[in-house]
PDB file of all heavy atoms in Angstrom:
ATOM      1  N   SER A   1       5.652  14.332  -5.919  1.00  0.00           N
ATOM      2  CA  SER A   1       5.914  15.571  -6.657  1.00  0.00           C
ATOM      3  C   SER A   1       7.249  15.501  -7.356  1.00  0.00           C
ATOM      4  O   SER A   1       8.231  15.021  -6.817  1.00  0.00           O
ATOM      5  CB  SER A   1       5.920  16.755  -5.709  1.00  0.00           C
ATOM      6  OG  SER A   1       4.647  16.977  -5.167  1.00  0.00           O
ATOM      7  N   LEU A   2       7.239  15.986  -8.597  1.00  0.00           N
ATOM      8  CA  LEU A   2       8.492  16.265  -9.314  1.00  0.00           C
ATOM      9  C   LEU A   2       8.853  17.701  -9.079  1.00  0.00           C
ATOM     10  O   LEU A   2       8.001  18.606  -9.310  1.00  0.00           O
ATOM     11  CB  LEU A   2       8.306  15.975 -10.812  1.00  0.00           C
ATOM     12  CG  LEU A   2       9.524  16.224 -11.722  1.00  0.00           C
ATOM     13  CD1 LEU A   2       9.438  15.329 -12.953  1.00  0.00           C
ATOM     14  CD2 LEU A   2       9.634  17.686 -12.172  1.00  0.00           C
ATOM     15  N   LEU A   3      10.053  17.959  -8.629  1.00  0.00           N
ATOM     16  CA  LEU A   3      10.537  19.330  -8.337  1.00  0.00           C
ATOM     17  C   LEU A   3      11.783  19.586  -9.157  1.00  0.00           C
ATOM     18  O   LEU A   3      12.761  18.843  -9.079  1.00  0.00           O
ATOM     19  CB  LEU A   3      10.843  19.459  -6.828  1.00  0.00           C
ATOM     20  CG  LEU A   3       9.668  19.224  -5.876  1.00  0.00           C
ATOM     21  CD1 LEU A   3      10.159  18.842  -4.494  1.00  0.00           C
ATOM     22  CD2 LEU A   3       8.792  20.466  -5.795  1.00  0.00           C
ATOM     23  N   TRP A   4      11.734  20.663  -9.930  1.00  0.00           N
ATOM     24  CA  TRP A   4      12.910  21.017 -10.718  1.00  0.00           C
ATOM     25  C   TRP A   4      12.862  22.494 -11.071  1.00  0.00           C
ATOM     26  O   TRP A   4      11.798  23.029 -11.347  1.00  0.00           O
ATOM     27  CB  TRP A   4      12.986  20.173 -11.984  1.00  0.00           C
ATOM     28  CG  TRP A   4      14.347  20.136 -12.632  1.00  0.00           C
ATOM     29  CD1 TRP A   4      15.546  20.349 -12.017  1.00  0.00           C
ATOM     30  CD2 TRP A   4      14.635  19.837 -13.974  1.00  0.00           C
ATOM     31  NE1 TRP A   4      16.587  20.217 -12.893  1.00  0.00           N
ATOM     32  CE2 TRP A   4      16.055  19.882 -14.121  1.00  0.00           C
ATOM     33  CE3 TRP A   4      13.874  19.528 -15.093  1.00  0.00           C
ATOM     34  CZ2 TRP A   4      16.698  19.646 -15.337  1.00  0.00           C
ATOM     35  CZ3 TRP A   4      14.515  19.282 -16.296  1.00  0.00           C
ATOM     36  CH2 TRP A   4      15.915  19.339 -16.422  1.00  0.00           C
ATOM     37  N   GLU A   5      14.039  23.123 -11.054  1.00  0.00           N
ATOM     38  CA  GLU A   5      14.147  24.567 -11.234  1.00  0.00           C
ATOM     39  C   GLU A   5      13.237  25.199 -10.172  1.00  0.00           C
ATOM     40  O   GLU A   5      13.423  24.918  -8.996  1.00  0.00           O
ATOM     41  CB  GLU A   5      13.750  24.926 -12.681  1.00  0.00           C
ATOM     42  CG  GLU A   5      14.198  26.315 -13.092  1.00  0.00           C
ATOM     43  CD  GLU A   5      13.003  27.216 -13.332  1.00  0.00           C
ATOM     44  OE1 GLU A   5      11.862  26.775 -13.236  1.00  0.00           O
ATOM     45  OE2 GLU A   5      13.236  28.397 -13.634  1.00  0.00           O
ATOM     46  N   LYS A   6      12.249  25.958 -10.538  1.00  0.00           N
ATOM     47  CA  LYS A   6      11.362  26.535  -9.507  1.00  0.00           C
ATOM     48  C   LYS A   6       9.910  26.081  -9.720  1.00  0.00           C
ATOM     49  O   LYS A   6       8.982  26.752  -9.332  1.00  0.00           O
ATOM     50  CB  LYS A   6      11.442  28.060  -9.577  1.00  0.00           C
ATOM     51  CG  LYS A   6      12.830  28.620  -9.174  1.00  0.00           C
ATOM     52  CD  LYS A   6      12.831  30.139  -9.150  1.00  0.00           C
ATOM     53  CE  LYS A   6      14.204  30.658  -8.725  1.00  0.00           C
ATOM     54  NZ  LYS A   6      14.251  32.149  -8.701  1.00  0.00           N
ATOM     55  N   LYS A   7       9.776  24.880 -10.280  1.00  0.00           N
ATOM     56  CA  LYS A   7       8.439  24.388 -10.577  1.00  0.00           C
ATOM     57  C   LYS A   7       8.203  23.029  -9.912  1.00  0.00           C
ATOM     58  O   LYS A   7       9.120  22.318  -9.508  1.00  0.00           O
ATOM     59  CB  LYS A   7       8.251  24.254 -12.096  1.00  0.00           C
ATOM     60  CG  LYS A   7       8.353  25.571 -12.850  1.00  0.00           C
ATOM     61  CD  LYS A   7       7.209  26.512 -12.509  1.00  0.00           C
ATOM     62  CE  LYS A   7       7.256  27.788 -13.321  1.00  0.00           C
ATOM     63  NZ  LYS A   7       6.122  28.708 -13.002  1.00  0.00           N
ATOM     64  N   ARG A   8       6.908  22.680  -9.843  1.00  0.00           N
ATOM     65  CA  ARG A   8       6.466  21.450  -9.204  1.00  0.00           C
ATOM     66  C   ARG A   8       5.336  20.841 -10.020  1.00  0.00           C
ATOM     67  O   ARG A   8       4.453  21.548 -10.498  1.00  0.00           O
ATOM     68  CB  ARG A   8       5.984  21.735  -7.769  1.00  0.00           C
ATOM     69  CG  ARG A   8       5.303  20.608  -7.045  1.00  0.00           C
ATOM     70  CD  ARG A   8       4.879  21.066  -5.658  1.00  0.00           C
ATOM     71  NE  ARG A   8       4.268  20.044  -4.828  1.00  0.00           N
ATOM     72  CZ  ARG A   8       2.978  19.927  -4.577  1.00  0.00           C
ATOM     73  NH1 ARG A   8       2.141  20.857  -5.071  1.00  0.00           N
ATOM     74  NH2 ARG A   8       2.525  18.960  -3.808  1.00  0.00           N
ATOM     75  N   ILE A   9       5.386  19.512 -10.148  1.00  0.00           N
ATOM     76  CA  ILE A   9       4.281  18.759 -10.762  1.00  0.00           C
ATOM     77  C   ILE A   9       3.870  17.712  -9.749  1.00  0.00           C
ATOM     78  O   ILE A   9       4.642  16.828  -9.402  1.00  0.00           O
ATOM     79  CB  ILE A   9       4.720  18.088 -12.085  1.00  0.00           C
ATOM     80  CG1 ILE A   9       5.146  19.156 -13.095  1.00  0.00           C
ATOM     81  CG2 ILE A   9       3.574  17.239 -12.640  1.00  0.00           C
ATOM     82  CD1 ILE A   9       5.808  18.588 -14.338  1.00  0.00           C
ATOM     83  N   ALA A  10       2.637  17.822  -9.259  1.00  0.00           N
ATOM     84  CA  ALA A  10       2.165  16.957  -8.170  1.00  0.00           C
ATOM     85  C   ALA A  10       1.240  15.868  -8.713  1.00  0.00           C
ATOM     86  O   ALA A  10       0.412  16.117  -9.595  1.00  0.00           O
ATOM     87  CB  ALA A  10       1.430  17.783  -7.107  1.00  0.00           C
ATOM     88  N   ILE A  11       1.428  14.654  -8.156  1.00  0.00           N
ATOM     89  CA  ILE A  11       0.610  13.519  -8.560  1.00  0.00           C
ATOM     90  C   ILE A  11       0.044  12.829  -7.305  1.00  0.00           C
ATOM     91  O   ILE A  11       0.789  12.213  -6.556  1.00  0.00           O
ATOM     92  CB  ILE A  11       1.487  12.483  -9.341  1.00  0.00           C
ATOM     93  CG1 ILE A  11       2.252  13.182 -10.468  1.00  0.00           C
ATOM     94  CG2 ILE A  11       0.636  11.333  -9.868  1.00  0.00           C
ATOM     95  CD1 ILE A  11       3.363  12.319 -11.065  1.00  0.00           C
ATOM     96  N   PRO A  12      -1.248  12.982  -7.040  1.00  0.00           N
ATOM     97  CA  PRO A  12      -1.839  12.338  -5.854  1.00  0.00           C
ATOM     98  C   PRO A  12      -2.053  10.855  -6.094  1.00  0.00           C
ATOM     99  O   PRO A  12      -2.555  10.433  -7.141  1.00  0.00           O
ATOM    100  CB  PRO A  12      -3.163  13.086  -5.685  1.00  0.00           C
ATOM    101  CG  PRO A  12      -3.505  13.545  -7.054  1.00  0.00           C
ATOM    102  CD  PRO A  12      -2.212  13.831  -7.772  1.00  0.00           C
ATOM    103  N   VAL A  13      -1.685  10.057  -5.088  1.00  0.00           N
ATOM    104  CA  VAL A  13      -1.825   8.585  -5.166  1.00  0.00           C
ATOM    105  C   VAL A  13      -2.651   8.143  -3.947  1.00  0.00           C
ATOM    106  O   VAL A  13      -2.339   8.531  -2.813  1.00  0.00           O
ATOM    107  CB  VAL A  13      -0.462   7.889  -5.159  1.00  0.00           C
ATOM    108  CG1 VAL A  13      -0.662   6.367  -5.239  1.00  0.00           C
ATOM    109  CG2 VAL A  13       0.391   8.394  -6.319  1.00  0.00           C
ATOM    110  N   ALA A  14      -3.669   7.356  -4.178  1.00  0.00           N
ATOM    111  CA  ALA A  14      -4.517   6.836  -3.101  1.00  0.00           C
ATOM    112  C   ALA A  14      -4.454   5.329  -3.088  1.00  0.00           C
ATOM    113  O   ALA A  14      -4.361   4.682  -4.134  1.00  0.00           O
ATOM    114  CB  ALA A  14      -5.944   7.329  -3.255  1.00  0.00           C
ATOM    115  N   VAL A  15      -4.547   4.760  -1.882  1.00  0.00           N
ATOM    116  CA  VAL A  15      -4.534   3.318  -1.701  1.00  0.00           C
ATOM    117  C   VAL A  15      -5.703   2.921  -0.825  1.00  0.00           C
ATOM    118  O   VAL A  15      -5.959   3.544   0.196  1.00  0.00           O
ATOM    119  CB  VAL A  15      -3.221   2.842  -1.041  1.00  0.00           C
ATOM    120  CG1 VAL A  15      -3.193   1.338  -0.894  1.00  0.00           C
ATOM    121  CG2 VAL A  15      -2.017   3.344  -1.821  1.00  0.00           C
ATOM    122  N   ASP A  16      -6.446   1.870  -1.228  1.00  0.00           N
ATOM    123  CA  ASP A  16      -7.497   1.326  -0.364  1.00  0.00           C
ATOM    124  C   ASP A  16      -6.798   0.400   0.629  1.00  0.00           C
ATOM    125  O   ASP A  16      -6.823  -0.826   0.496  1.00  0.00           O
ATOM    126  CB  ASP A  16      -8.527   0.578  -1.206  1.00  0.00           C
ATOM    127  CG  ASP A  16      -9.736   0.137  -0.393  1.00  0.00           C
ATOM    128  OD1 ASP A  16      -9.670   0.244   0.878  1.00  0.00           O
ATOM    129  OD2 ASP A  16     -10.730  -0.325  -0.989  1.00  0.00           O
ATOM    130  N   THR A  17      -6.203   1.002   1.639  1.00  0.00           N
ATOM    131  CA  THR A  17      -5.320   0.269   2.548  1.00  0.00           C
ATOM    132  C   THR A  17      -6.063  -0.827   3.290  1.00  0.00           C
ATOM    133  O   THR A  17      -5.517  -1.943   3.466  1.00  0.00           O
ATOM    134  CB  THR A  17      -4.653   1.245   3.533  1.00  0.00           C
ATOM    135  OG1 THR A  17      -3.774   2.101   2.786  1.00  0.00           O
ATOM    136  CG2 THR A  17      -3.851   0.505   4.588  1.00  0.00           C
ATOM    137  N   ASP A  18      -7.261  -0.549   3.736  1.00  0.00           N
ATOM    138  CA  ASP A  18      -7.989  -1.609   4.461  1.00  0.00           C
ATOM    139  C   ASP A  18      -8.216  -2.832   3.599  1.00  0.00           C
ATOM    140  O   ASP A  18      -8.010  -3.970   4.039  1.00  0.00           O
ATOM    141  CB  ASP A  18      -9.326  -1.075   4.994  1.00  0.00           C
ATOM    142  CG  ASP A  18      -9.168  -0.166   6.188  1.00  0.00           C
ATOM    143  OD1 ASP A  18      -8.146  -0.294   6.908  1.00  0.00           O
ATOM    144  OD2 ASP A  18     -10.055   0.668   6.430  1.00  0.00           O
ATOM    145  N   ALA A  19      -8.598  -2.656   2.348  1.00  0.00           N
ATOM    146  CA  ALA A  19      -8.810  -3.770   1.447  1.00  0.00           C
ATOM    147  C   ALA A  19      -7.489  -4.503   1.202  1.00  0.00           C
ATOM    148  O   ALA A  19      -7.447  -5.754   1.164  1.00  0.00           O
ATOM    149  CB  ALA A  19      -9.419  -3.299   0.148  1.00  0.00           C
ATOM    150  N   VAL A  20      -6.410  -3.743   1.025  1.00  0.00           N
ATOM    151  CA  VAL A  20      -5.095  -4.344   0.813  1.00  0.00           C
ATOM    152  C   VAL A  20      -4.656  -5.147   2.012  1.00  0.00           C
ATOM    153  O   VAL A  20      -4.169  -6.289   1.882  1.00  0.00           O
ATOM    154  CB  VAL A  20      -4.065  -3.246   0.500  1.00  0.00           C
ATOM    155  CG1 VAL A  20      -2.637  -3.823   0.521  1.00  0.00           C
ATOM    156  CG2 VAL A  20      -4.333  -2.600  -0.865  1.00  0.00           C
ATOM    157  N   VAL A  21      -4.887  -4.589   3.216  1.00  0.00           N
ATOM    158  CA  VAL A  21      -4.444  -5.296   4.426  1.00  0.00           C
ATOM    159  C   VAL A  21      -5.246  -6.556   4.636  1.00  0.00           C
ATOM    160  O   VAL A  21      -4.714  -7.620   4.970  1.00  0.00           O
ATOM    161  CB  VAL A  21      -4.568  -4.355   5.653  1.00  0.00           C
ATOM    162  CG1 VAL A  21      -4.372  -5.130   6.952  1.00  0.00           C
ATOM    163  CG2 VAL A  21      -3.560  -3.226   5.558  1.00  0.00           C
ATOM    164  N   VAL A  22      -6.584  -6.504   4.443  1.00  0.00           N
ATOM    165  CA  VAL A  22      -7.403  -7.677   4.642  1.00  0.00           C
ATOM    166  C   VAL A  22      -7.008  -8.790   3.685  1.00  0.00           C
ATOM    167  O   VAL A  22      -6.887  -9.974   4.061  1.00  0.00           O
ATOM    168  CB  VAL A  22      -8.894  -7.336   4.498  1.00  0.00           C
ATOM    169  CG1 VAL A  22      -9.757  -8.590   4.493  1.00  0.00           C
ATOM    170  CG2 VAL A  22      -9.309  -6.398   5.635  1.00  0.00           C
ATOM    171  N   ALA A  23      -6.781  -8.420   2.426  1.00  0.00           N
ATOM    172  CA  ALA A  23      -6.348  -9.428   1.447  1.00  0.00           C
ATOM    173  C   ALA A  23      -4.989 -10.013   1.861  1.00  0.00           C
ATOM    174  O   ALA A  23      -4.759 -11.223   1.731  1.00  0.00           O
ATOM    175  CB  ALA A  23      -6.248  -8.804   0.057  1.00  0.00           C
ATOM    176  N   SER A  24      -4.082  -9.152   2.345  1.00  0.00           N
ATOM    177  CA  SER A  24      -2.778  -9.634   2.794  1.00  0.00           C
ATOM    178  C   SER A  24      -2.906 -10.544   3.996  1.00  0.00           C
ATOM    179  O   SER A  24      -2.254 -11.601   4.084  1.00  0.00           O
ATOM    180  CB  SER A  24      -1.899  -8.425   3.129  1.00  0.00           C
ATOM    181  OG  SER A  24      -0.640  -8.850   3.668  1.00  0.00           O
ATOM    182  N   LEU A  25      -3.772 -10.194   4.937  1.00  0.00           N
ATOM    183  CA  LEU A  25      -3.961 -11.028   6.121  1.00  0.00           C
ATOM    184  C   LEU A  25      -4.502 -12.394   5.735  1.00  0.00           C
ATOM    185  O   LEU A  25      -4.077 -13.434   6.273  1.00  0.00           O
ATOM    186  CB  LEU A  25      -4.920 -10.348   7.100  1.00  0.00           C
ATOM    187  CG  LEU A  25      -4.377  -9.103   7.829  1.00  0.00           C
ATOM    188  CD1 LEU A  25      -5.495  -8.429   8.627  1.00  0.00           C
ATOM    189  CD2 LEU A  25      -3.204  -9.462   8.727  1.00  0.00           C
ATOM    190  N   LYS A  26      -5.457 -12.419   4.834  1.00  0.00           N
ATOM    191  CA  LYS A  26      -6.007 -13.709   4.387  1.00  0.00           C
ATOM    192  C   LYS A  26      -4.908 -14.602   3.801  1.00  0.00           C
ATOM    193  O   LYS A  26      -4.892 -15.816   4.045  1.00  0.00           O
ATOM    194  CB  LYS A  26      -7.115 -13.460   3.341  1.00  0.00           C
ATOM    195  CG  LYS A  26      -8.381 -12.890   3.940  1.00  0.00           C
ATOM    196  CD  LYS A  26      -9.433 -12.655   2.867  1.00  0.00           C
ATOM    197  CE  LYS A  26     -10.738 -12.127   3.455  1.00  0.00           C
ATOM    198  NZ  LYS A  26     -11.741 -11.857   2.413  1.00  0.00           N
ATOM    199  N   ARG A  27      -4.021 -14.021   3.016  1.00  0.00           N
ATOM    200  CA  ARG A  27      -2.914 -14.807   2.452  1.00  0.00           C
ATOM    201  C   ARG A  27      -1.971 -15.286   3.541  1.00  0.00           C
ATOM    202  O   ARG A  27      -1.589 -16.464   3.581  1.00  0.00           O
ATOM    203  CB  ARG A  27      -2.147 -14.005   1.423  1.00  0.00           C
ATOM    204  CG  ARG A  27      -2.892 -13.744   0.109  1.00  0.00           C
ATOM    205  CD  ARG A  27      -1.947 -13.193  -0.941  1.00  0.00           C
ATOM    206  NE  ARG A  27      -1.292 -11.953  -0.505  1.00  0.00           N
ATOM    207  CZ  ARG A  27      -1.803 -10.746  -0.701  1.00  0.00           C
ATOM    208  NH1 ARG A  27      -2.971 -10.601  -1.295  1.00  0.00           N
ATOM    209  NH2 ARG A  27      -1.154  -9.673  -0.310  1.00  0.00           N
ATOM    210  N   GLU A  28      -1.581 -14.349   4.420  1.00  0.00           N
ATOM    211  CA  GLU A  28      -0.589 -14.685   5.448  1.00  0.00           C
ATOM    212  C   GLU A  28      -1.108 -15.728   6.443  1.00  0.00           C
ATOM    213  O   GLU A  28      -0.322 -16.541   6.944  1.00  0.00           O
ATOM    214  CB  GLU A  28      -0.163 -13.419   6.180  1.00  0.00           C
ATOM    215  CG  GLU A  28       0.623 -12.458   5.308  1.00  0.00           C
ATOM    216  CD  GLU A  28       1.029 -11.189   6.023  1.00  0.00           C
ATOM    217  OE1 GLU A  28       0.431 -10.884   7.087  1.00  0.00           O
ATOM    218  OE2 GLU A  28       1.931 -10.487   5.543  1.00  0.00           O
ATOM    219  N   LEU A  29      -2.390 -15.733   6.700  1.00  0.00           N
ATOM    220  CA  LEU A  29      -2.933 -16.688   7.651  1.00  0.00           C
ATOM    221  C   LEU A  29      -3.074 -18.084   7.084  1.00  0.00           C
ATOM    222  O   LEU A  29      -3.424 -19.012   7.813  1.00  0.00           O
ATOM    223  CB  LEU A  29      -4.302 -16.186   8.161  1.00  0.00           C
ATOM    224  CG  LEU A  29      -4.229 -14.958   9.089  1.00  0.00           C
ATOM    225  CD1 LEU A  29      -5.601 -14.400   9.358  1.00  0.00           C
ATOM    226  CD2 LEU A  29      -3.513 -15.314  10.412  1.00  0.00           C
ATOM    227  N   THR A  30      -2.821 -18.250   5.792  1.00  0.00           N
ATOM    228  CA  THR A  30      -2.751 -19.601   5.221  1.00  0.00           C
ATOM    229  C   THR A  30      -1.342 -20.177   5.280  1.00  0.00           C
ATOM    230  O   THR A  30      -1.154 -21.346   4.937  1.00  0.00           O
ATOM    231  CB  THR A  30      -3.217 -19.612   3.740  1.00  0.00           C
ATOM    232  OG1 THR A  30      -2.303 -18.813   2.961  1.00  0.00           O
ATOM    233  CG2 THR A  30      -4.640 -19.056   3.623  1.00  0.00           C
ATOM    234  N   GLY A  31      -0.387 -19.370   5.730  1.00  0.00           N
ATOM    235  CA  GLY A  31       0.985 -19.846   5.880  1.00  0.00           C
ATOM    236  C   GLY A  31       1.298 -20.214   7.316  1.00  0.00           C
ATOM    237  O   GLY A  31       0.397 -20.613   8.090  1.00  0.00           O
ATOM    238  N   SER A  32       2.554 -20.048   7.711  1.00  0.00           N
ATOM    239  CA  SER A  32       2.964 -20.430   9.059  1.00  0.00           C
ATOM    240  C   SER A  32       2.212 -19.643  10.124  1.00  0.00           C
ATOM    241  O   SER A  32       1.993 -20.131  11.251  1.00  0.00           O
ATOM    242  CB  SER A  32       4.458 -20.246   9.214  1.00  0.00           C
ATOM    243  OG  SER A  32       4.832 -18.880   8.993  1.00  0.00           O
ATOM    244  N   ASN A  33       1.789 -18.413   9.804  1.00  0.00           N
ATOM    245  CA  ASN A  33       1.021 -17.619  10.783  1.00  0.00           C
ATOM    246  C   ASN A  33      -0.283 -18.276  11.172  1.00  0.00           C
ATOM    247  O   ASN A  33      -0.831 -18.029  12.255  1.00  0.00           O
ATOM    248  CB  ASN A  33       0.746 -16.230  10.222  1.00  0.00           C
ATOM    249  CG  ASN A  33       1.960 -15.314  10.273  1.00  0.00           C
ATOM    250  OD1 ASN A  33       2.628 -15.230  11.272  1.00  0.00           O
ATOM    251  ND2 ASN A  33       2.240 -14.661   9.166  1.00  0.00           N
ATOM    252  N   GLY A  34      -0.789 -19.129  10.305  1.00  0.00           N
ATOM    253  CA  GLY A  34      -2.047 -19.790  10.590  1.00  0.00           C
ATOM    254  C   GLY A  34      -1.971 -20.781  11.750  1.00  0.00           C
ATOM    255  O   GLY A  34      -3.014 -21.229  12.250  1.00  0.00           O
ATOM    256  N   PHE A  35      -0.765 -21.099  12.205  1.00  0.00           N
ATOM    257  CA  PHE A  35      -0.587 -22.002  13.334  1.00  0.00           C
ATOM    258  C   PHE A  35      -0.293 -21.226  14.626  1.00  0.00           C
ATOM    259  O   PHE A  35       0.030 -21.848  15.640  1.00  0.00           O
ATOM    260  CB  PHE A  35       0.564 -22.972  13.045  1.00  0.00           C
ATOM    261  CG  PHE A  35       0.327 -23.848  11.867  1.00  0.00           C
ATOM    262  CD1 PHE A  35       0.789 -23.471  10.602  1.00  0.00           C
ATOM    263  CD2 PHE A  35      -0.384 -25.028  11.977  1.00  0.00           C
ATOM    264  CE1 PHE A  35       0.562 -24.285   9.487  1.00  0.00           C
ATOM    265  CE2 PHE A  35      -0.631 -25.835  10.866  1.00  0.00           C
ATOM    266  CZ  PHE A  35      -0.148 -25.465   9.619  1.00  0.00           C
ATOM    267  N   ASP A  36      -0.430 -19.925  14.571  1.00  0.00           N
ATOM    268  CA  ASP A  36      -0.103 -19.067  15.722  1.00  0.00           C
ATOM    269  C   ASP A  36      -1.393 -18.356  16.185  1.00  0.00           C
ATOM    270  O   ASP A  36      -1.942 -17.532  15.449  1.00  0.00           O
ATOM    271  CB  ASP A  36       0.951 -18.035  15.332  1.00  0.00           C
ATOM    272  CG  ASP A  36       1.434 -17.204  16.490  1.00  0.00           C
ATOM    273  OD1 ASP A  36       0.764 -17.193  17.549  1.00  0.00           O
ATOM    274  OD2 ASP A  36       2.493 -16.541  16.340  1.00  0.00           O
TER     275      ASP A  36
END
């Protein structure tokens, strides 16, 4: 939200967190984490 004077402008943001996390895990498991 932008807040100024006595007004507000709201901007909703959504993230497909599960998809982001799975993609991140796939990348991370190809690095040093892949040996753990």
